[in-house]
N, C-alpha and C. Protein backbone atom coordinates (compact mmCIF):
# COMPACT_ATOMS: atom_id res chain seq x y z
N MET A 1 -34.84 -6.32 -35.71
CA MET A 1 -35.43 -7.27 -34.94
C MET A 1 -36.23 -7.65 -34.33
N GLU A 2 -37.55 -8.17 -34.97
CA GLU A 2 -38.64 -8.34 -33.54
C GLU A 2 -38.22 -9.78 -32.93
N LYS A 3 -38.43 -9.68 -31.78
CA LYS A 3 -38.00 -11.05 -30.47
C LYS A 3 -39.38 -11.77 -30.60
N LYS A 4 -39.46 -12.75 -30.99
CA LYS A 4 -40.77 -14.29 -30.93
C LYS A 4 -40.80 -14.74 -29.49
N TYR A 5 -41.95 -14.86 -28.80
CA TYR A 5 -42.03 -15.81 -27.60
C TYR A 5 -42.95 -16.07 -28.02
N THR A 6 -43.21 -17.75 -27.39
CA THR A 6 -44.43 -18.69 -26.83
C THR A 6 -44.88 -18.34 -25.52
N ILE A 7 -46.21 -18.06 -25.13
CA ILE A 7 -46.84 -18.59 -23.64
C ILE A 7 -47.41 -19.74 -23.70
N ARG A 8 -46.68 -20.40 -22.45
CA ARG A 8 -47.39 -21.65 -22.64
C ARG A 8 -47.38 -21.92 -20.57
N ALA A 9 -47.83 -23.27 -20.57
CA ALA A 9 -47.96 -23.86 -19.14
C ALA A 9 -46.59 -24.14 -18.90
N MET A 10 -46.24 -23.73 -17.60
CA MET A 10 -45.01 -23.85 -16.85
C MET A 10 -44.98 -25.25 -16.86
N THR A 11 -43.96 -26.29 -16.58
CA THR A 11 -43.70 -27.18 -16.26
C THR A 11 -42.33 -27.31 -15.44
N ILE A 12 -41.77 -28.41 -14.84
CA ILE A 12 -41.13 -28.27 -14.09
C ILE A 12 -39.52 -28.66 -14.83
N GLU A 13 -39.73 -29.08 -16.30
CA GLU A 13 -38.81 -28.74 -16.99
C GLU A 13 -37.65 -27.53 -17.34
N ASP A 14 -39.02 -26.29 -16.49
CA ASP A 14 -38.56 -25.05 -17.08
C ASP A 14 -37.93 -24.47 -15.64
N TYR A 15 -37.65 -25.31 -14.70
CA TYR A 15 -37.10 -25.01 -13.92
C TYR A 15 -36.07 -23.93 -13.91
N GLU A 16 -34.80 -24.34 -14.40
CA GLU A 16 -33.83 -23.93 -14.35
C GLU A 16 -33.52 -22.87 -14.95
N GLY A 17 -34.16 -22.78 -16.25
CA GLY A 17 -34.74 -21.53 -17.30
C GLY A 17 -35.12 -20.38 -16.23
N LEU A 18 -35.82 -20.72 -15.60
CA LEU A 18 -36.67 -20.07 -14.43
C LEU A 18 -35.66 -19.29 -13.43
N ARG A 19 -35.36 -19.97 -12.63
CA ARG A 19 -34.25 -19.53 -11.87
C ARG A 19 -33.43 -18.89 -12.14
N GLY A 20 -32.84 -19.41 -13.82
CA GLY A 20 -31.76 -18.21 -14.50
C GLY A 20 -32.37 -16.99 -14.74
N LEU A 21 -33.58 -16.84 -14.89
CA LEU A 21 -34.14 -15.65 -14.87
C LEU A 21 -34.42 -14.90 -13.57
N TRP A 22 -34.92 -15.03 -12.91
CA TRP A 22 -35.29 -14.53 -11.45
C TRP A 22 -33.57 -14.09 -11.09
N MET A 23 -32.55 -15.09 -11.25
CA MET A 23 -31.38 -14.43 -10.69
C MET A 23 -31.15 -13.30 -11.28
N THR A 24 -31.47 -12.92 -12.62
CA THR A 24 -31.16 -11.59 -13.53
C THR A 24 -31.91 -10.38 -12.85
N ILE A 25 -33.09 -10.58 -12.14
CA ILE A 25 -33.61 -9.35 -11.60
C ILE A 25 -33.07 -8.75 -10.08
N SER A 26 -33.24 -7.93 -10.33
CA SER A 26 -32.31 -7.07 -9.33
C SER A 26 -33.69 -6.80 -8.36
N GLY A 27 -33.09 -7.31 -6.55
CA GLY A 27 -34.18 -6.91 -5.75
C GLY A 27 -35.07 -8.79 -5.66
N PHE A 28 -35.01 -8.87 -6.83
CA PHE A 28 -35.45 -10.08 -6.37
C PHE A 28 -35.48 -11.17 -4.97
N GLY A 29 -36.54 -11.68 -4.24
CA GLY A 29 -36.40 -12.19 -3.29
C GLY A 29 -36.83 -13.50 -3.75
N ILE A 30 -35.68 -14.89 -3.08
CA ILE A 30 -36.03 -16.04 -3.42
C ILE A 30 -35.72 -17.04 -1.97
N ARG A 31 -36.86 -17.58 -2.11
CA ARG A 31 -36.57 -18.43 -0.88
C ARG A 31 -36.02 -19.87 -1.05
N SER A 32 -34.96 -20.48 -0.20
CA SER A 32 -34.33 -21.45 -0.24
C SER A 32 -35.07 -22.83 -0.07
N ILE A 33 -36.27 -22.74 0.20
CA ILE A 33 -37.23 -23.98 0.24
C ILE A 33 -38.34 -24.11 -0.63
N ASP A 34 -39.31 -23.13 -0.69
CA ASP A 34 -40.16 -22.33 -1.61
C ASP A 34 -39.49 -22.63 -3.22
N ASP A 35 -38.63 -22.12 -3.25
CA ASP A 35 -38.24 -21.77 -4.81
C ASP A 35 -37.59 -22.85 -4.82
N SER A 36 -37.07 -23.79 -4.64
CA SER A 36 -36.11 -24.87 -4.84
C SER A 36 -36.61 -25.34 -5.80
N LYS A 37 -36.32 -26.30 -6.63
CA LYS A 37 -36.85 -27.40 -7.65
C LYS A 37 -37.56 -27.93 -7.07
N ASP A 38 -37.76 -28.68 -5.68
CA ASP A 38 -38.79 -29.61 -5.26
C ASP A 38 -39.61 -28.54 -4.88
N GLY A 39 -39.71 -26.95 -4.31
CA GLY A 39 -40.91 -26.44 -4.00
C GLY A 39 -41.62 -26.01 -4.91
N VAL A 40 -40.98 -25.66 -6.11
CA VAL A 40 -41.74 -25.19 -7.23
C VAL A 40 -42.51 -26.40 -8.06
N GLY A 41 -41.87 -27.58 -7.73
CA GLY A 41 -42.63 -29.28 -8.07
C GLY A 41 -43.85 -29.06 -7.09
N ARG A 42 -43.83 -28.70 -6.55
CA ARG A 42 -45.07 -29.65 -5.13
C ARG A 42 -45.88 -28.45 -5.37
N PHE A 43 -45.49 -26.95 -6.32
CA PHE A 43 -46.44 -25.91 -5.91
C PHE A 43 -47.34 -26.66 -7.39
N LEU A 44 -46.52 -26.99 -8.96
CA LEU A 44 -46.86 -26.80 -9.90
C LEU A 44 -48.23 -28.02 -9.52
N LYS A 45 -47.55 -28.97 -9.07
CA LYS A 45 -48.24 -30.60 -8.90
C LYS A 45 -49.71 -30.19 -8.54
N ARG A 46 -49.88 -29.24 -7.31
CA ARG A 46 -50.89 -28.35 -6.67
C ARG A 46 -51.59 -27.63 -7.33
N ASN A 47 -51.08 -27.32 -8.25
CA ASN A 47 -52.11 -26.27 -9.34
C ASN A 47 -51.75 -26.45 -10.72
N PRO A 48 -52.14 -27.58 -11.21
CA PRO A 48 -51.33 -28.31 -12.67
C PRO A 48 -52.05 -27.20 -13.44
N GLY A 49 -51.28 -26.91 -14.70
CA GLY A 49 -51.44 -25.78 -15.67
C GLY A 49 -52.00 -24.63 -15.33
N MET A 50 -51.87 -24.09 -14.25
CA MET A 50 -52.15 -22.76 -13.84
C MET A 50 -50.97 -21.75 -14.19
N SER A 51 -49.72 -22.40 -13.70
CA SER A 51 -48.53 -21.29 -13.54
C SER A 51 -48.17 -21.24 -15.25
N VAL A 52 -47.39 -20.09 -15.83
CA VAL A 52 -47.02 -20.07 -17.10
C VAL A 52 -45.48 -19.12 -17.16
N VAL A 53 -45.15 -19.62 -18.55
CA VAL A 53 -44.05 -19.39 -18.92
C VAL A 53 -44.20 -18.58 -20.47
N ALA A 54 -43.01 -17.22 -20.86
CA ALA A 54 -42.63 -16.85 -21.84
C ALA A 54 -41.72 -17.51 -22.15
N ALA A 55 -41.57 -18.28 -23.65
CA ALA A 55 -40.30 -18.85 -23.92
C ALA A 55 -40.12 -17.92 -25.02
N ALA A 56 -38.38 -17.71 -24.85
CA ALA A 56 -38.14 -16.76 -26.70
C ALA A 56 -37.61 -18.13 -27.58
N SER A 57 -37.89 -17.63 -28.82
CA SER A 57 -37.67 -18.23 -29.99
C SER A 57 -36.19 -19.53 -30.05
N ASP A 58 -35.80 -19.16 -29.09
CA ASP A 58 -34.29 -20.23 -29.05
C ASP A 58 -34.68 -21.31 -27.75
N GLY A 59 -35.86 -21.03 -26.97
CA GLY A 59 -36.25 -22.06 -25.77
C GLY A 59 -35.96 -21.18 -24.55
N SER A 60 -34.97 -19.84 -24.10
CA SER A 60 -34.83 -19.27 -23.08
C SER A 60 -36.34 -18.99 -22.69
N ILE A 61 -36.63 -19.11 -20.96
CA ILE A 61 -37.31 -18.47 -20.36
C ILE A 61 -36.90 -16.89 -20.09
N VAL A 62 -38.08 -16.45 -20.74
CA VAL A 62 -37.87 -14.88 -20.52
C VAL A 62 -39.27 -14.17 -19.48
N GLY A 63 -39.86 -14.64 -19.22
CA GLY A 63 -41.14 -14.70 -18.52
C GLY A 63 -41.98 -16.12 -17.62
N GLY A 64 -42.09 -15.60 -16.21
CA GLY A 64 -42.69 -16.67 -15.80
C GLY A 64 -43.89 -16.04 -14.56
N ILE A 65 -44.55 -16.68 -14.18
CA ILE A 65 -45.76 -16.53 -13.28
C ILE A 65 -46.03 -17.97 -12.61
N LEU A 66 -45.62 -17.86 -11.63
CA LEU A 66 -46.60 -19.07 -10.72
C LEU A 66 -47.46 -18.84 -9.96
N CYS A 67 -48.58 -19.41 -9.98
CA CYS A 67 -49.81 -18.93 -10.32
C CYS A 67 -50.70 -20.38 -9.63
N GLY A 68 -51.68 -20.50 -8.15
CA GLY A 68 -52.39 -21.23 -7.82
C GLY A 68 -53.43 -20.41 -7.25
N HIS A 69 -54.41 -21.36 -7.02
CA HIS A 69 -55.16 -21.17 -5.82
C HIS A 69 -55.49 -22.22 -4.49
N ASP A 70 -56.58 -21.75 -3.23
CA ASP A 70 -56.65 -22.50 -2.53
C ASP A 70 -58.19 -22.74 -2.29
N GLY A 71 -59.03 -22.82 -3.34
CA GLY A 71 -60.22 -23.02 -3.62
C GLY A 71 -61.12 -22.31 -4.09
N ARG A 72 -60.68 -21.04 -2.78
CA ARG A 72 -61.52 -20.04 -2.98
C ARG A 72 -60.97 -18.63 -3.83
N ARG A 73 -59.44 -18.31 -3.26
CA ARG A 73 -58.78 -17.07 -4.15
C ARG A 73 -57.45 -17.39 -4.70
N GLY A 74 -57.47 -16.59 -5.74
CA GLY A 74 -56.13 -17.14 -6.77
C GLY A 74 -54.64 -16.44 -6.44
N CYS A 75 -53.53 -16.82 -6.28
CA CYS A 75 -52.62 -15.43 -6.10
C CYS A 75 -51.44 -15.74 -7.12
N LEU A 76 -51.13 -15.22 -7.60
CA LEU A 76 -49.78 -14.95 -8.77
C LEU A 76 -48.35 -14.70 -7.78
N TYR A 77 -47.40 -15.44 -8.24
CA TYR A 77 -46.44 -15.25 -7.32
C TYR A 77 -45.45 -14.97 -8.47
N HIS A 78 -44.38 -14.15 -7.84
CA HIS A 78 -42.81 -14.14 -8.96
C HIS A 78 -43.34 -13.64 -10.14
N VAL A 79 -43.73 -13.11 -10.60
CA VAL A 79 -44.07 -12.37 -11.97
C VAL A 79 -43.40 -11.44 -12.15
N CYS A 80 -42.41 -11.75 -13.64
CA CYS A 80 -41.25 -11.28 -13.79
C CYS A 80 -41.34 -11.46 -15.40
N VAL A 81 -40.58 -10.80 -16.02
CA VAL A 81 -39.89 -10.60 -17.18
C VAL A 81 -38.90 -10.09 -17.48
N ARG A 82 -38.35 -11.22 -18.52
CA ARG A 82 -36.57 -10.19 -18.89
C ARG A 82 -36.59 -9.12 -19.35
N ALA A 83 -35.98 -8.41 -18.60
CA ALA A 83 -35.36 -6.57 -18.90
C ALA A 83 -35.51 -6.98 -20.76
N ASP A 84 -35.31 -6.45 -21.36
CA ASP A 84 -34.94 -7.06 -22.58
C ASP A 84 -36.34 -7.57 -23.27
N TYR A 85 -36.90 -8.25 -22.71
CA TYR A 85 -38.26 -8.33 -23.01
C TYR A 85 -39.46 -7.73 -22.63
N ARG A 86 -39.16 -6.74 -21.95
CA ARG A 86 -40.53 -6.15 -21.21
C ARG A 86 -41.11 -5.11 -22.29
N ARG A 87 -42.01 -4.45 -22.13
CA ARG A 87 -43.15 -3.64 -22.58
C ARG A 87 -43.32 -4.26 -24.64
N MET A 88 -43.37 -5.58 -24.19
CA MET A 88 -43.72 -6.25 -25.39
C MET A 88 -45.24 -7.06 -25.32
N GLY A 89 -45.87 -6.63 -24.19
CA GLY A 89 -47.22 -7.40 -23.79
C GLY A 89 -46.81 -9.02 -23.03
N ILE A 90 -45.54 -9.34 -22.91
CA ILE A 90 -45.50 -10.39 -22.33
C ILE A 90 -46.35 -10.47 -20.85
N GLY A 91 -45.78 -10.05 -20.04
CA GLY A 91 -46.47 -9.76 -19.22
C GLY A 91 -47.97 -10.08 -18.79
N LYS A 92 -48.34 -8.92 -19.55
CA LYS A 92 -50.25 -8.92 -19.56
C LYS A 92 -50.80 -10.48 -20.22
N ALA A 93 -49.84 -11.20 -21.27
CA ALA A 93 -50.35 -12.23 -21.95
C ALA A 93 -50.23 -13.31 -20.76
N MET A 94 -49.51 -13.35 -20.21
CA MET A 94 -49.02 -14.10 -18.93
C MET A 94 -50.23 -13.89 -17.83
N VAL A 95 -50.74 -12.75 -17.34
CA VAL A 95 -51.82 -12.67 -16.53
C VAL A 95 -52.83 -13.10 -16.89
N VAL A 96 -53.15 -13.26 -18.10
CA VAL A 96 -54.29 -13.11 -18.98
C VAL A 96 -54.60 -14.57 -18.82
N TYR A 97 -53.43 -15.58 -19.19
CA TYR A 97 -53.35 -17.01 -19.00
C TYR A 97 -53.83 -17.31 -17.65
N CYS A 98 -52.97 -16.44 -16.65
CA CYS A 98 -53.29 -17.33 -15.86
C CYS A 98 -54.84 -17.04 -14.65
N MET A 99 -55.29 -15.70 -15.71
CA MET A 99 -56.57 -15.88 -15.02
C MET A 99 -57.58 -16.67 -15.36
N ASN A 100 -57.45 -16.49 -17.34
CA ASN A 100 -58.34 -17.50 -17.71
C ASN A 100 -57.99 -18.94 -16.85
N ALA A 101 -57.28 -19.39 -16.29
CA ALA A 101 -56.74 -20.62 -15.54
C ALA A 101 -57.35 -21.35 -14.16
N LEU A 102 -57.36 -19.60 -14.07
CA LEU A 102 -58.50 -19.61 -12.45
C LEU A 102 -59.70 -19.09 -12.35
N LYS A 103 -60.11 -18.74 -13.94
CA LYS A 103 -61.60 -18.90 -14.25
C LYS A 103 -62.41 -19.87 -14.12
N ALA A 104 -61.10 -20.81 -14.70
CA ALA A 104 -61.94 -22.52 -15.20
C ALA A 104 -62.07 -23.15 -14.20
N GLU A 105 -61.19 -22.81 -12.97
CA GLU A 105 -61.66 -23.66 -11.51
C GLU A 105 -62.71 -22.68 -10.99
N ASN A 106 -63.63 -21.69 -11.09
CA ASN A 106 -64.60 -21.08 -10.56
C ASN A 106 -63.68 -20.56 -9.14
N ILE A 107 -62.80 -19.85 -9.64
CA ILE A 107 -62.00 -18.77 -8.92
C ILE A 107 -62.45 -17.42 -9.44
N ASN A 108 -63.08 -16.79 -8.18
CA ASN A 108 -63.50 -15.52 -8.83
C ASN A 108 -62.87 -14.09 -8.16
N LYS A 109 -61.31 -14.36 -6.97
CA LYS A 109 -61.09 -13.30 -7.09
C LYS A 109 -59.28 -13.36 -6.96
N VAL A 110 -58.55 -12.93 -7.19
CA VAL A 110 -56.99 -12.83 -7.29
C VAL A 110 -56.49 -12.09 -6.63
N SER A 111 -54.65 -12.50 -6.02
CA SER A 111 -54.92 -11.37 -5.62
C SER A 111 -53.05 -11.59 -5.75
N LEU A 112 -52.05 -10.50 -5.48
CA LEU A 112 -50.65 -11.14 -5.24
C LEU A 112 -49.86 -9.77 -4.35
N ILE A 113 -48.81 -9.94 -4.24
CA ILE A 113 -48.08 -9.04 -3.25
C ILE A 113 -46.95 -8.62 -4.22
N ALA A 114 -46.72 -7.39 -3.98
CA ALA A 114 -45.51 -6.68 -4.81
C ALA A 114 -44.97 -5.39 -3.50
N PHE A 115 -43.66 -6.14 -3.55
CA PHE A 115 -42.76 -4.75 -2.76
C PHE A 115 -43.00 -3.94 -3.06
N THR A 116 -42.83 -2.70 -1.99
CA THR A 116 -42.97 -1.18 -1.71
C THR A 116 -42.09 -0.31 -3.27
N ARG A 117 -41.05 -1.20 -2.71
CA ARG A 117 -39.92 -0.75 -3.66
C ARG A 117 -39.96 -1.26 -4.87
N ASN A 118 -40.59 -2.17 -5.48
CA ASN A 118 -40.59 -2.21 -7.01
C ASN A 118 -41.25 -1.54 -7.60
N ASP A 119 -40.78 -0.94 -8.14
CA ASP A 119 -41.43 0.53 -8.50
C ASP A 119 -41.74 -0.17 -10.16
N ILE A 120 -40.87 -0.90 -10.92
CA ILE A 120 -41.21 -1.28 -12.09
C ILE A 120 -42.82 -1.87 -11.95
N GLY A 121 -42.59 -2.90 -11.20
CA GLY A 121 -43.48 -4.07 -10.87
C GLY A 121 -44.88 -3.22 -10.60
N ASN A 122 -44.72 -2.44 -9.78
CA ASN A 122 -45.99 -1.43 -9.32
C ASN A 122 -46.79 -0.74 -10.17
N ALA A 123 -46.36 -0.34 -11.31
CA ALA A 123 -46.43 0.51 -12.55
C ALA A 123 -47.26 -0.44 -13.00
N PHE A 124 -46.59 -1.68 -13.52
CA PHE A 124 -47.30 -2.35 -14.45
C PHE A 124 -48.96 -3.04 -13.92
N TRP A 125 -48.81 -3.32 -12.91
CA TRP A 125 -50.28 -3.79 -12.12
C TRP A 125 -50.89 -2.86 -11.78
N ASN A 126 -50.75 -1.49 -11.95
CA ASN A 126 -51.35 -0.37 -11.83
C ASN A 126 -52.11 -0.10 -13.53
N CYS A 127 -50.80 -0.03 -14.18
CA CYS A 127 -51.41 0.11 -15.88
C CYS A 127 -52.33 -1.30 -16.17
N ILE A 128 -52.67 -2.05 -16.07
CA ILE A 128 -53.28 -3.09 -16.16
C ILE A 128 -54.33 -3.52 -15.45
N GLY A 129 -54.71 -2.34 -14.78
CA GLY A 129 -56.15 -2.11 -14.23
C GLY A 129 -56.26 -2.87 -12.18
N TRP A 130 -55.04 -3.24 -11.90
CA TRP A 130 -55.38 -3.82 -10.85
C TRP A 130 -55.12 -3.08 -9.93
N THR A 131 -56.16 -3.15 -8.65
CA THR A 131 -56.29 -2.01 -7.34
C THR A 131 -55.69 -2.34 -6.49
N LYS A 132 -54.56 -1.15 -6.17
CA LYS A 132 -53.82 -1.09 -4.65
C LYS A 132 -55.08 -1.09 -3.56
N ARG A 133 -54.62 -2.34 -2.58
CA ARG A 133 -55.16 -2.35 -1.36
C ARG A 133 -54.65 -1.43 0.03
N GLU A 134 -55.27 -0.47 0.13
CA GLU A 134 -55.28 0.35 1.58
C GLU A 134 -55.74 -0.01 2.63
N ASP A 135 -56.53 -0.85 2.44
CA ASP A 135 -57.68 -1.30 3.52
C ASP A 135 -57.32 -1.94 4.45
N LEU A 136 -56.23 -2.73 4.22
CA LEU A 136 -55.65 -4.01 5.14
C LEU A 136 -54.28 -4.08 5.40
N ASN A 137 -53.58 -4.63 6.31
CA ASN A 137 -52.11 -5.19 6.21
C ASN A 137 -52.38 -6.45 6.33
N TYR A 138 -51.22 -6.83 5.69
CA TYR A 138 -50.65 -8.16 5.18
C TYR A 138 -49.52 -8.50 6.59
N TYR A 139 -49.92 -10.13 6.73
CA TYR A 139 -49.26 -10.34 8.04
C TYR A 139 -48.49 -11.89 7.57
N ASP A 140 -46.79 -11.92 7.92
CA ASP A 140 -46.08 -13.17 7.58
C ASP A 140 -46.18 -13.32 9.12
N PHE A 141 -46.29 -15.36 8.87
CA PHE A 141 -45.54 -16.20 10.64
C PHE A 141 -44.67 -17.14 9.10
N THR A 142 -43.78 -17.25 9.85
CA THR A 142 -42.69 -18.08 9.32
C THR A 142 -42.82 -19.11 10.46
N LEU A 143 -42.74 -20.59 9.70
CA LEU A 143 -43.15 -22.23 9.77
C LEU A 143 -41.83 -22.55 10.30
N ASN A 144 -40.99 -22.31 9.01
CA ASN A 144 -39.40 -22.86 8.71
C ASN A 144 -38.77 -21.71 9.06
N GLU A 145 -38.10 -21.89 9.59
CA GLU A 145 -36.80 -21.32 10.03
C GLU A 145 -35.63 -21.02 8.51
N GLU A 146 -35.72 -22.08 8.03
CA GLU A 146 -34.74 -22.60 7.10
C GLU A 146 -34.96 -22.20 6.12
N ASN A 147 -36.46 -21.64 5.59
CA ASN A 147 -36.96 -21.20 4.46
C ASN A 147 -36.55 -19.73 4.31
N ILE A 148 -35.13 -19.30 3.86
CA ILE A 148 -34.56 -18.10 3.97
C ILE A 148 -35.23 -17.27 2.41
N THR A 149 -35.07 -16.30 2.75
CA THR A 149 -35.49 -14.92 1.28
C THR A 149 -34.26 -14.63 1.50
N ALA A 150 -33.62 -14.59 0.06
CA ALA A 150 -32.01 -13.99 -0.67
C ALA A 150 -32.69 -13.05 -1.30
N PHE A 151 -32.29 -11.93 -1.21
CA PHE A 151 -32.57 -10.71 -2.18
C PHE A 151 -31.25 -10.57 -3.19
N ASN A 152 -31.70 -10.72 -4.93
CA ASN A 152 -30.90 -10.18 -5.59
C ASN A 152 -29.99 -9.20 -5.74
N LYS A 153 -28.88 -8.90 -5.81
CA LYS A 153 -28.47 -7.51 -5.88
C LYS A 153 -28.48 -6.63 -7.28
């Protein structure tokens, strides 16, 4: 039986289903503050209509992307598809949704971060034509030590 799904704008009402999806993905990093319901709500409010979910016919969330921009460059966060819904075009359809939302805001360049050990994710980005940068270093500075990242086992 073919699995049916819809691609639509993410709302804060999707949070519990989205977080449930995140928790099923091995190696997925979830930040204690940024990825809380309040944190995601702030992100969605700042970037209205840009983030996306894939919902199965039963309403469960089977994919999602947090998408936003700073007025100059877009960024994709937490791109994921539930394992039993992969290789159906969901990831690519969600990326296209985000790219169109960013284009509508006159954003001309988009970036994302994929952990080097995320073989599935890195293969996906290479397959759909994204370029891996070898010419820069990525730096972080933590402003709030309470915003801890926990990785799923």
